[in-house]
Amino acid sequence: MRPEDILAEQPIVMSDADRVRYFTEGFATVEGVTPPDMLDRIRAKSAEFLEQSRSVAASNEAFDLGPRHSAEQPHVRRLRRPVDLDPLFWEVATAPFMTGIAADLVGPDVKFHSAKLNYKWPGTGELVKWHQDIPAWPHTNYSPVTLGIYLDDVTAAEGPLACVPNSHNGPIYSHFGPDDAWTGHISDADAEAADVRSAVDLTGPAGTVIAINCRTVHGSLANLTDRARPLLLYVYSSADAFPWMPAPTPTSKTGEIVRGAPAKIAHLDPRPCPVPPDWSKAGYASIFTAQKAM
């Protein structure tokens, strides 16, 4: 669906002002929408998986581990495919407040794409370089949106996600290095062209849902506190958006309609998108691995 058609729909969860901000700037925040009891359950499940990670020595299908990981001090950068690891995460993915926000931004027919639970640990080694999401998983249109739930209060000190306003209306930059290897981030020259100095921190209290368009240039700085910043992320698209390359991190739920009905016609956006590696052959570890390799 086109933005003007989506905005013509009656909002479900978001305010009209927040929806307009999303389509104008490429991102938005929605505070106070995650049910407190569900937020408590997510926190408890997160702690449970971090405890499990103590028995894991290397990254696997469930955990993407950082270089400092040990049984004594877990360093989990990402819980992969959480919807396949515990029913709670699919319950959250299909909860009315989440699918309602998704519908407010992609239209009444909503398709699920993927999920992950990221952790930003204290220290300067936890930066996420500037990047866009859609180059890793191109679709027939640019409706895909990432919705993230902050499990704890997030201020500028925690290294929140930061988004460049209106960058979703700009070019899609290359995420390959000079040797044509996938880097997972844009070049310094492209970051300058994108005006990353204008980036806005997406802060908010625990339970805030952040929304980022798939074309928006975003990243995050170091976590300057003494605690990890967990962020539960879900990707949705309009039902009429279809991937044209293998997903880097497919789940058993990828492609399921979580609100409304399946599309009978594909929406084809004429704006081009670079071709990513064929993840079904190349394999995909995580954005952290790709960026650290560079």
Foldseek 3Di string as FASTA:
>chain_A
DDLVVLLVDDADADDSVQLVQCVQFQKGKDPDQFPPVLLVVVVVVVVVVQLVCQPPDADDQAFHADPPDHNVDGGTFKGAQVVVVDVSLVCVCLPCSNLSVLCSQANQWKFFAGKMKGKAAADQLRWQAKAFQCLQWPKLDFFKKKKKFWSFFDDLLQFAKWWQTPQLVPDHADQADPVRHGQLHHDPVVCVVSPCVRIDGDGGGGGMMMMGTRRIIIITGGNNDRGMTMMIMTMMHHLLIGTPADHQRGYPRHGPTSGDDHDPHHDGDPDDHDHDPRCVPVHDSDSSVSNVVD
